[in-house]
């Protein structure tokens, strides 16, 4: 069974930075496109960044230039470097596979809060 464990969230001021981590176990991780998703209160979960097994990355327009996704296949880890955080970025952030409309079981996510 696939297990996803996100960490690294917290409270930062606008303009601050965070680095999120996601540990993946129970699957041959390196063959999958992985993504970071976020869900703000009252909103649907959305994909904000993805990275293919070859390392190609894609970003949602609102985060381009500020968030950077990366992966370490040897460690079964996915990362999200978040810079220049804005008041519209707060949400629970999750990692999961990017595969149409099917996902592995969701982890608990990690909360990002941006406030002065």
Protein backbone atom coordinates (compact mmCIF):
# COMPACT_ATOMS: atom_id res chain seq x y z
CA UNK A 1 0.00 0.00 0.00
CA UNK A 2 1.28 3.44 -0.95
CA UNK A 3 1.98 5.79 1.94
CA UNK A 4 2.56 9.52 1.58
CA UNK A 5 3.90 11.60 4.45
CA UNK A 6 4.18 15.35 3.99
CA UNK A 7 6.12 17.68 6.28
CA UNK A 8 7.73 21.10 6.44
CA UNK A 9 4.75 23.41 6.61
CA UNK A 10 4.44 26.24 9.08
CA UNK A 11 3.75 29.91 9.63
CA UNK A 12 5.73 32.44 7.64
CA UNK A 13 5.46 36.11 6.89
CA UNK A 14 4.60 37.32 3.39
CA UNK A 15 7.72 37.06 1.27
CA UNK A 16 9.07 34.22 3.37
CA UNK A 17 10.14 30.73 2.37
CA UNK A 18 9.38 27.14 3.26
CA UNK A 19 10.58 23.79 2.01
CA UNK A 20 8.03 21.01 1.97
CA UNK A 21 9.00 17.36 1.89
CA UNK A 22 7.07 14.25 0.96
CA UNK A 23 8.20 10.72 1.75
CA UNK A 24 6.72 8.05 -0.51
CA UNK A 25 6.73 4.36 0.35
CA UNK A 26 5.09 1.18 -0.88
CA UNK A 27 5.60 1.69 -4.61
CA UNK A 28 8.27 1.93 -7.31
CA UNK A 29 8.35 5.67 -6.99
CA UNK A 30 10.74 6.60 -9.75
CA UNK A 31 8.44 5.67 -12.64
CA UNK A 32 5.67 8.08 -11.70
CA UNK A 33 4.99 11.74 -12.34
CA UNK A 34 4.56 13.31 -8.94
CA UNK A 35 2.79 16.48 -7.95
CA UNK A 36 2.16 18.88 -5.15
CA UNK A 37 -1.47 19.80 -4.60
CA UNK A 38 -3.03 22.32 -2.28
CA UNK A 39 -6.45 22.83 -0.79
CA UNK A 40 -7.52 26.09 0.78
CA UNK A 41 -10.62 26.31 3.01
CA UNK A 42 -13.78 26.21 0.93
CA UNK A 43 -11.91 25.44 -2.27
CA UNK A 44 -11.22 22.35 -4.31
CA UNK A 45 -7.87 20.67 -4.21
CA UNK A 46 -5.67 21.89 -7.06
CA UNK A 47 -2.44 20.74 -8.62
CA UNK A 48 0.21 23.45 -8.35
CA UNK A 49 3.41 21.70 -9.47
CA UNK A 50 4.43 18.42 -11.07
CA UNK A 51 7.64 16.63 -11.96
CA UNK A 52 7.94 13.76 -14.39
CA UNK A 53 10.13 10.72 -13.95
CA UNK A 54 12.59 12.44 -16.29
CA UNK A 55 12.64 15.61 -14.22
CA UNK A 56 10.46 17.83 -16.41
CA UNK A 57 8.46 20.28 -14.32
CA UNK A 58 5.20 22.12 -14.76
CA UNK A 59 3.64 24.82 -12.61
CA UNK A 60 0.27 26.44 -12.18
CA UNK A 61 0.46 30.07 -13.35
CA UNK A 62 -0.05 31.57 -9.90
CA UNK A 63 3.08 29.91 -8.52
CA UNK A 64 5.47 30.10 -11.46
CA UNK A 65 8.79 31.59 -10.48
CA UNK A 66 8.11 31.18 -6.76
CA UNK A 67 7.71 27.44 -6.21
CA UNK A 68 10.16 24.78 -7.32
CA UNK A 69 9.40 21.07 -7.30
CA UNK A 70 12.17 18.48 -7.17
CA UNK A 71 12.58 14.79 -6.49
CA UNK A 72 15.17 12.39 -5.16
CA UNK A 73 14.39 8.95 -6.53
CA UNK A 74 17.09 7.30 -4.43
CA UNK A 75 15.35 8.49 -1.28
CA UNK A 76 11.75 8.26 -2.55
CA UNK A 77 11.27 11.93 -1.74
CA UNK A 78 9.53 14.85 -3.41
CA UNK A 79 10.21 18.44 -2.38
CA UNK A 80 8.58 21.81 -2.88
CA UNK A 81 10.70 24.89 -2.32
CA UNK A 82 8.37 27.80 -1.69
CA UNK A 83 9.77 31.33 -1.98
CA UNK A 84 8.15 34.77 -1.95
CA UNK A 85 5.07 33.37 -0.25
CA UNK A 86 1.93 35.42 -0.71
CA UNK A 87 -1.28 35.81 1.32
CA UNK A 88 -3.09 33.69 -1.32
CA UNK A 89 -0.77 30.70 -0.82
CA UNK A 90 -2.07 29.38 2.54
CA UNK A 91 -3.53 25.91 2.25
CA UNK A 92 -2.93 22.33 3.20
CA UNK A 93 -0.32 21.00 0.80
CA UNK A 94 -0.30 17.38 -0.31
CA UNK A 95 1.86 15.30 -2.60
CA UNK A 96 0.47 12.55 -4.80
CA UNK A 97 0.81 10.93 -8.18
CA UNK A 98 -0.26 12.86 -11.27
CA UNK A 99 -2.34 10.41 -13.28
CA UNK A 100 -5.57 11.78 -14.68
CA UNK A 101 -8.29 11.64 -12.05
CA UNK A 102 -6.96 8.76 -9.98
CA UNK A 103 -4.68 9.13 -7.01
CA UNK A 104 -3.09 7.10 -4.31
CA UNK A 105 -4.55 7.39 -0.82
CA UNK A 106 -3.94 10.94 0.38
CA UNK A 107 -1.59 11.68 3.25
CA UNK A 108 -2.37 14.06 6.07
CA UNK A 109 -0.88 17.02 4.23
CA UNK A 110 1.10 19.87 5.72
CA UNK A 111 -0.36 23.25 6.61
CA UNK A 112 1.14 26.43 5.16
CA UNK A 113 0.10 29.70 6.75
CA UNK A 114 1.19 33.13 5.53
CA UNK A 115 0.59 35.98 7.92
CA UNK A 116 2.30 39.08 9.20
